[in-house]
Amino acid sequence: MAAWTSVGLVAVAVLVVGIAMPASAAVQPPAPAPSSDGTSIDQGIAYVLMLVALVLTYLIHPLDASSPYRLF
């Protein structure tokens, strides 16, 4: 009877370790905060520059159209 008890204890220990080990391996530390590699900053600057160019184009165009000089 003592042999069955020790076999039962070993079986329970194996089951506990088998369940606990994968669960403990699944716990990972939190990922570091995402850092900018500069591409989003560059894209933002490009959008601002394109907007400035568009505004300047529409501001200069009426002045050029009303100019007394005929270029073409």
PDB file of N, CA and C in Angstrom:
ATOM      1  N   MET A   1       0.811  -1.182   0.000  1.00  0.00           N
ATOM      2  CA  MET A   1       0.000   0.000   0.000  1.00  0.00           C
ATOM      3  C   MET A   1       0.860   1.254   0.000  1.00  0.00           C
ATOM      4  N   ALA A   2       1.984   1.222   0.655  1.00  0.00           N
ATOM      5  CA  ALA A   2       2.878   2.372   0.710  1.00  0.00           C
ATOM      6  C   ALA A   2       3.469   2.653  -0.666  1.00  0.00           C
ATOM      7  N   ALA A   3       3.651   1.598  -1.471  1.00  0.00           N
ATOM      8  CA  ALA A   3       4.205   1.763  -2.807  1.00  0.00           C
ATOM      9  C   ALA A   3       3.228   2.542  -3.683  1.00  0.00           C
ATOM     10  N   TRP A   4       1.926   2.250  -3.562  1.00  0.00           N
ATOM     11  CA  TRP A   4       0.921   2.960  -4.341  1.00  0.00           C
ATOM     12  C   TRP A   4       0.805   4.421  -3.912  1.00  0.00           C
ATOM     13  N   THR A   5       1.007   4.654  -2.635  1.00  0.00           N
ATOM     14  CA  THR A   5       0.938   6.016  -2.144  1.00  0.00           C
ATOM     15  C   THR A   5       2.081   6.843  -2.707  1.00  0.00           C
ATOM     16  N   SER A   6       3.284   6.257  -2.735  1.00  0.00           N
ATOM     17  CA  SER A   6       4.425   6.995  -3.283  1.00  0.00           C
ATOM     18  C   SER A   6       4.269   7.202  -4.789  1.00  0.00           C
ATOM     19  N   VAL A   7       3.687   6.220  -5.486  1.00  0.00           N
ATOM     20  CA  VAL A   7       3.446   6.361  -6.925  1.00  0.00           C
ATOM     21  C   VAL A   7       2.411   7.457  -7.158  1.00  0.00           C
ATOM     22  N   GLY A   8       1.409   7.530  -6.314  1.00  0.00           N
ATOM     23  CA  GLY A   8       0.386   8.559  -6.428  1.00  0.00           C
ATOM     24  C   GLY A   8       0.964   9.946  -6.173  1.00  0.00           C
ATOM     25  N   LEU A   9       1.845  10.055  -5.179  1.00  0.00           N
ATOM     26  CA  LEU A   9       2.487  11.340  -4.891  1.00  0.00           C
ATOM     27  C   LEU A   9       3.380  11.788  -6.045  1.00  0.00           C
ATOM     28  N   VAL A  10       4.093  10.816  -6.608  1.00  0.00           N
ATOM     29  CA  VAL A  10       4.947  11.155  -7.753  1.00  0.00           C
ATOM     30  C   VAL A  10       4.088  11.582  -8.939  1.00  0.00           C
ATOM     31  N   ALA A  11       2.967  10.915  -9.164  1.00  0.00           N
ATOM     32  CA  ALA A  11       2.084  11.265 -10.280  1.00  0.00           C
ATOM     33  C   ALA A  11       1.496  12.664 -10.088  1.00  0.00           C
ATOM     34  N   VAL A  12       1.097  12.962  -8.855  1.00  0.00           N
ATOM     35  CA  VAL A  12       0.566  14.292  -8.581  1.00  0.00           C
ATOM     36  C   VAL A  12       1.655  15.342  -8.762  1.00  0.00           C
ATOM     37  N   ALA A  13       2.871  15.039  -8.298  1.00  0.00           N
ATOM     38  CA  ALA A  13       3.975  15.985  -8.455  1.00  0.00           C
ATOM     39  C   ALA A  13       4.284  16.215  -9.931  1.00  0.00           C
ATOM     40  N   VAL A  14       4.262  15.147 -10.722  1.00  0.00           N
ATOM     41  CA  VAL A  14       4.521  15.282 -12.158  1.00  0.00           C
ATOM     42  C   VAL A  14       3.426  16.127 -12.822  1.00  0.00           C
ATOM     43  N   LEU A  15       2.169  15.911 -12.444  1.00  0.00           N
ATOM     44  CA  LEU A  15       1.085  16.713 -13.010  1.00  0.00           C
ATOM     45  C   LEU A  15       1.202  18.186 -12.621  1.00  0.00           C
ATOM     46  N   VAL A  16       1.544  18.451 -11.368  1.00  0.00           N
ATOM     47  CA  VAL A  16       1.678  19.840 -10.921  1.00  0.00           C
ATOM     48  C   VAL A  16       2.823  20.525 -11.660  1.00  0.00           C
ATOM     49  N   VAL A  17       3.943  19.843 -11.769  1.00  0.00           N
ATOM     50  CA  VAL A  17       5.089  20.431 -12.479  1.00  0.00           C
ATOM     51  C   VAL A  17       4.757  20.594 -13.962  1.00  0.00           C
ATOM     52  N   GLY A  18       4.062  19.611 -14.546  1.00  0.00           N
ATOM     53  CA  GLY A  18       3.696  19.687 -15.955  1.00  0.00           C
ATOM     54  C   GLY A  18       2.743  20.826 -16.251  1.00  0.00           C
ATOM     55  N   ILE A  19       1.894  21.157 -15.292  1.00  0.00           N
ATOM     56  CA  ILE A  19       0.969  22.269 -15.489  1.00  0.00           C
ATOM     57  C   ILE A  19       1.637  23.591 -15.162  1.00  0.00           C
ATOM     58  N   ALA A  20       2.464  23.636 -14.136  1.00  0.00           N
ATOM     59  CA  ALA A  20       3.048  24.896 -13.673  1.00  0.00           C
ATOM     60  C   ALA A  20       4.198  25.372 -14.565  1.00  0.00           C
ATOM     61  N   MET A  21       4.967  24.473 -15.120  1.00  0.00           N
ATOM     62  CA  MET A  21       6.128  24.893 -15.913  1.00  0.00           C
ATOM     63  C   MET A  21       5.735  25.646 -17.182  1.00  0.00           C
ATOM     64  N   PRO A  22       4.812  25.145 -17.999  1.00  0.00           N
ATOM     65  CA  PRO A  22       4.437  25.938 -19.180  1.00  0.00           C
ATOM     66  C   PRO A  22       3.763  27.258 -18.808  1.00  0.00           C
ATOM     67  N   ALA A  23       3.017  27.258 -17.726  1.00  0.00           N
ATOM     68  CA  ALA A  23       2.357  28.496 -17.313  1.00  0.00           C
ATOM     69  C   ALA A  23       3.386  29.531 -16.879  1.00  0.00           C
ATOM     70  N   SER A  24       4.434  29.103 -16.219  1.00  0.00           N
ATOM     71  CA  SER A  24       5.452  30.051 -15.792  1.00  0.00           C
ATOM     72  C   SER A  24       6.298  30.514 -16.968  1.00  0.00           C
ATOM     73  N   ALA A  25       6.437  29.695 -17.991  1.00  0.00           N
ATOM     74  CA  ALA A  25       7.211  30.087 -19.164  1.00  0.00           C
ATOM     75  C   ALA A  25       6.425  31.081 -20.019  1.00  0.00           C
ATOM     76  N   ALA A  26       5.087  31.060 -19.903  1.00  0.00           N
ATOM     77  CA  ALA A  26       4.274  31.954 -20.707  1.00  0.00           C
ATOM     78  C   ALA A  26       4.286  33.378 -20.172  1.00  0.00           C
ATOM     79  N   VAL A  27       4.662  33.563 -18.923  1.00  0.00           N
ATOM     80  CA  VAL A  27       4.695  34.905 -18.345  1.00  0.00           C
ATOM     81  C   VAL A  27       5.945  35.608 -18.854  1.00  0.00           C
ATOM     82  N   GLN A  28       5.751  36.704 -19.563  1.00  0.00           N
ATOM     83  CA  GLN A  28       6.872  37.437 -20.125  1.00  0.00           C
ATOM     84  C   GLN A  28       6.873  38.845 -19.562  1.00  0.00           C
ATOM     85  N   PRO A  29       8.032  39.428 -19.483  1.00  0.00           N
ATOM     86  CA  PRO A  29       8.068  40.820 -19.011  1.00  0.00           C
ATOM     87  C   PRO A  29       7.398  41.728 -20.041  1.00  0.00           C
ATOM     88  N   PRO A  30       6.885  42.858 -19.607  1.00  0.00           N
ATOM     89  CA  PRO A  30       6.223  43.752 -20.562  1.00  0.00           C
ATOM     90  C   PRO A  30       7.201  44.273 -21.606  1.00  0.00           C
ATOM     91  N   ALA A  31       6.679  44.462 -22.787  1.00  0.00           N
ATOM     92  CA  ALA A  31       7.507  44.966 -23.880  1.00  0.00           C
ATOM     93  C   ALA A  31       7.882  46.420 -23.620  1.00  0.00           C
ATOM     94  N   PRO A  32       9.060  46.818 -24.067  1.00  0.00           N
ATOM     95  CA  PRO A  32       9.431  48.224 -23.880  1.00  0.00           C
ATOM     96  C   PRO A  32       8.525  49.138 -24.696  1.00  0.00           C
ATOM     97  N   ALA A  33       8.428  50.354 -24.263  1.00  0.00           N
ATOM     98  CA  ALA A  33       7.592  51.324 -24.969  1.00  0.00           C
ATOM     99  C   ALA A  33       8.131  51.525 -26.379  1.00  0.00           C
ATOM    100  N   PRO A  34       7.246  51.661 -27.369  1.00  0.00           N
ATOM    101  CA  PRO A  34       7.735  51.850 -28.736  1.00  0.00           C
ATOM    102  C   PRO A  34       8.474  53.172 -28.870  1.00  0.00           C
ATOM    103  N   SER A  35       9.586  53.092 -29.524  1.00  0.00           N
ATOM    104  CA  SER A  35      10.375  54.304 -29.731  1.00  0.00           C
ATOM    105  C   SER A  35      10.276  54.708 -31.197  1.00  0.00           C
ATOM    106  N   SER A  36      10.328  55.980 -31.437  1.00  0.00           N
ATOM    107  CA  SER A  36      10.227  56.481 -32.797  1.00  0.00           C
ATOM    108  C   SER A  36      11.577  56.333 -33.489  1.00  0.00           C
ATOM    109  N   ASP A  37      11.551  55.820 -34.698  1.00  0.00           N
ATOM    110  CA  ASP A  37      12.787  55.701 -35.457  1.00  0.00           C
ATOM    111  C   ASP A  37      13.004  56.898 -36.366  1.00  0.00           C
ATOM    112  N   GLY A  38      12.135  57.884 -36.253  1.00  0.00           N
ATOM    113  CA  GLY A  38      12.320  59.107 -37.014  1.00  0.00           C
ATOM    114  C   GLY A  38      11.493  59.185 -38.272  1.00  0.00           C
ATOM    115  N   THR A  39      10.937  58.064 -38.725  1.00  0.00           N
ATOM    116  CA  THR A  39      10.185  58.106 -39.973  1.00  0.00           C
ATOM    117  C   THR A  39       8.882  58.885 -39.821  1.00  0.00           C
ATOM    118  N   SER A  40       8.223  58.752 -38.684  1.00  0.00           N
ATOM    119  CA  SER A  40       6.978  59.500 -38.505  1.00  0.00           C
ATOM    120  C   SER A  40       7.260  60.995 -38.366  1.00  0.00           C
ATOM    121  N   ILE A  41       8.371  61.341 -37.753  1.00  0.00           N
ATOM    122  CA  ILE A  41       8.752  62.757 -37.644  1.00  0.00           C
ATOM    123  C   ILE A  41       9.073  63.313 -39.022  1.00  0.00           C
ATOM    124  N   ASP A  42       9.830  62.551 -39.810  1.00  0.00           N
ATOM    125  CA  ASP A  42      10.160  62.987 -41.172  1.00  0.00           C
ATOM    126  C   ASP A  42       8.904  63.145 -42.021  1.00  0.00           C
ATOM    127  N   GLN A  43       7.957  62.224 -41.864  1.00  0.00           N
ATOM    128  CA  GLN A  43       6.728  62.301 -42.636  1.00  0.00           C
ATOM    129  C   GLN A  43       5.915  63.526 -42.219  1.00  0.00           C
ATOM    130  N   GLY A  44       5.883  63.828 -40.937  1.00  0.00           N
ATOM    131  CA  GLY A  44       5.180  65.018 -40.470  1.00  0.00           C
ATOM    132  C   GLY A  44       5.791  66.289 -41.016  1.00  0.00           C
ATOM    133  N   ILE A  45       7.110  66.357 -41.029  1.00  0.00           N
ATOM    134  CA  ILE A  45       7.796  67.538 -41.586  1.00  0.00           C
ATOM    135  C   ILE A  45       7.513  67.657 -43.083  1.00  0.00           C
ATOM    136  N   ALA A  46       7.504  66.528 -43.776  1.00  0.00           N
ATOM    137  CA  ALA A  46       7.222  66.560 -45.218  1.00  0.00           C
ATOM    138  C   ALA A  46       5.807  67.069 -45.489  1.00  0.00           C
ATOM    139  N   TYR A  47       4.829  66.640 -44.674  1.00  0.00           N
ATOM    140  CA  TYR A  47       3.458  67.121 -44.857  1.00  0.00           C
ATOM    141  C   TYR A  47       3.358  68.623 -44.605  1.00  0.00           C
ATOM    142  N   VAL A  48       4.058  69.100 -43.591  1.00  0.00           N
ATOM    143  CA  VAL A  48       4.021  70.539 -43.299  1.00  0.00           C
ATOM    144  C   VAL A  48       4.650  71.321 -44.449  1.00  0.00           C
ATOM    145  N   LEU A  49       5.776  70.852 -44.966  1.00  0.00           N
ATOM    146  CA  LEU A  49       6.424  71.546 -46.077  1.00  0.00           C
ATOM    147  C   LEU A  49       5.565  71.533 -47.333  1.00  0.00           C
ATOM    148  N   MET A  50       4.876  70.410 -47.598  1.00  0.00           N
ATOM    149  CA  MET A  50       3.994  70.371 -48.761  1.00  0.00           C
ATOM    150  C   MET A  50       2.816  71.326 -48.584  1.00  0.00           C
ATOM    151  N   LEU A  51       2.299  71.435 -47.372  1.00  0.00           N
ATOM    152  CA  LEU A  51       1.210  72.373 -47.120  1.00  0.00           C
ATOM    153  C   LEU A  51       1.671  73.811 -47.299  1.00  0.00           C
ATOM    154  N   VAL A  52       2.887  74.118 -46.821  1.00  0.00           N
ATOM    155  CA  VAL A  52       3.439  75.467 -47.012  1.00  0.00           C
ATOM    156  C   VAL A  52       3.618  75.756 -48.499  1.00  0.00           C
ATOM    157  N   ALA A  53       4.112  74.793 -49.246  1.00  0.00           N
ATOM    158  CA  ALA A  53       4.298  74.997 -50.682  1.00  0.00           C
ATOM    159  C   ALA A  53       2.958  75.205 -51.372  1.00  0.00           C
ATOM    160  N   LEU A  54       1.933  74.469 -50.967  1.00  0.00           N
ATOM    161  CA  LEU A  54       0.615  74.630 -51.568  1.00  0.00           C
ATOM    162  C   LEU A  54       0.039  76.009 -51.263  1.00  0.00           C
ATOM    163  N   VAL A  55       0.165  76.447 -50.023  1.00  0.00           N
ATOM    164  CA  VAL A  55      -0.344  77.771 -49.643  1.00  0.00           C
ATOM    165  C   VAL A  55       0.406  78.865 -50.394  1.00  0.00           C
ATOM    166  N   LEU A  56       1.714  78.753 -50.461  1.00  0.00           N
ATOM    167  CA  LEU A  56       2.496  79.760 -51.184  1.00  0.00           C
ATOM    168  C   LEU A  56       2.134  79.790 -52.662  1.00  0.00           C
ATOM    169  N   THR A  57       1.892  78.629 -53.233  1.00  0.00           N
ATOM    170  CA  THR A  57       1.513  78.577 -54.641  1.00  0.00           C
ATOM    171  C   THR A  57       0.208  79.328 -54.876  1.00  0.00           C
ATOM    172  N   TYR A  58      -0.776  79.104 -54.018  1.00  0.00           N
ATOM    173  CA  TYR A  58      -2.061  79.787 -54.197  1.00  0.00           C
ATOM    174  C   TYR A  58      -2.001  81.250 -53.805  1.00  0.00           C
ATOM    175  N   LEU A  59      -1.046  81.646 -52.964  1.00  0.00           N
ATOM    176  CA  LEU A  59      -0.895  83.059 -52.642  1.00  0.00           C
ATOM    177  C   LEU A  59      -0.168  83.813 -53.754  1.00  0.00           C
ATOM    178  N   ILE A  60       0.810  83.162 -54.356  1.00  0.00           N
ATOM    179  CA  ILE A  60       1.605  83.817 -55.389  1.00  0.00           C
ATOM    180  C   ILE A  60       0.887  83.813 -56.735  1.00  0.00           C
ATOM    181  N   HIS A  61       0.097  82.818 -57.006  1.00  0.00           N
ATOM    182  CA  HIS A  61      -0.563  82.700 -58.305  1.00  0.00           C
ATOM    183  C   HIS A  61      -1.459  83.898 -58.627  1.00  0.00           C
ATOM    184  N   PRO A  62      -2.316  84.368 -57.724  1.00  0.00           N
ATOM    185  CA  PRO A  62      -3.120  85.552 -58.078  1.00  0.00           C
ATOM    186  C   PRO A  62      -2.261  86.787 -58.311  1.00  0.00           C
ATOM    187  N   LEU A  63      -1.170  86.921 -57.579  1.00  0.00           N
ATOM    188  CA  LEU A  63      -0.290  88.068 -57.801  1.00  0.00           C
ATOM    189  C   LEU A  63       0.350  87.987 -59.174  1.00  0.00           C
ATOM    190  N   ASP A  64       0.712  86.785 -59.582  1.00  0.00           N
ATOM    191  CA  ASP A  64       1.328  86.601 -60.893  1.00  0.00           C
ATOM    192  C   ASP A  64       0.300  86.810 -61.999  1.00  0.00           C
ATOM    193  N   ALA A  65      -0.935  86.412 -61.780  1.00  0.00           N
ATOM    194  CA  ALA A  65      -1.969  86.543 -62.793  1.00  0.00           C
ATOM    195  C   ALA A  65      -2.350  87.996 -63.011  1.00  0.00           C
ATOM    196  N   SER A  66      -2.255  88.811 -61.968  1.00  0.00           N
ATOM    197  CA  SER A  66      -2.642  90.206 -62.116  1.00  0.00           C
ATOM    198  C   SER A  66      -1.450  91.101 -62.476  1.00  0.00           C
ATOM    199  N   SER A  67      -0.324  90.493 -62.751  1.00  0.00           N
ATOM    200  CA  SER A  67       0.872  91.262 -63.081  1.00  0.00           C
ATOM    201  C   SER A  67       0.718  91.903 -64.474  1.00  0.00           C
ATOM    202  N   PRO A  68       1.203  93.124 -64.656  1.00  0.00           N
ATOM    203  CA  PRO A  68       1.104  93.759 -65.977  1.00  0.00           C
ATOM    204  C   PRO A  68       2.047  93.120 -67.004  1.00  0.00           C
ATOM    205  N   TYR A  69       3.001  92.331 -66.548  1.00  0.00           N
ATOM    206  CA  TYR A  69       3.948  91.707 -67.462  1.00  0.00           C
ATOM    207  C   TYR A  69       3.368  90.400 -67.993  1.00  0.00           C
ATOM    208  N   ARG A  70       3.428  90.233 -69.294  1.00  0.00           N
ATOM    209  CA  ARG A  70       2.951  88.995 -69.881  1.00  0.00           C
ATOM    210  C   ARG A  70       4.165  88.121 -70.175  1.00  0.00           C
ATOM    211  N   LEU A  71       4.235  87.024 -69.480  1.00  0.00           N
ATOM    212  CA  LEU A  71       5.373  86.131 -69.657  1.00  0.00           C
ATOM    213  C   LEU A  71       5.177  85.185 -70.832  1.00  0.00           C
ATOM    214  N   PHE A  72       3.942  84.806 -71.105  1.00  0.00           N
ATOM    215  CA  PHE A  72       3.700  83.856 -72.193  1.00  0.00           C
ATOM    216  C   PHE A  72       2.645  84.384 -73.119  1.00  0.00           C
TER     217      PHE A  72
END
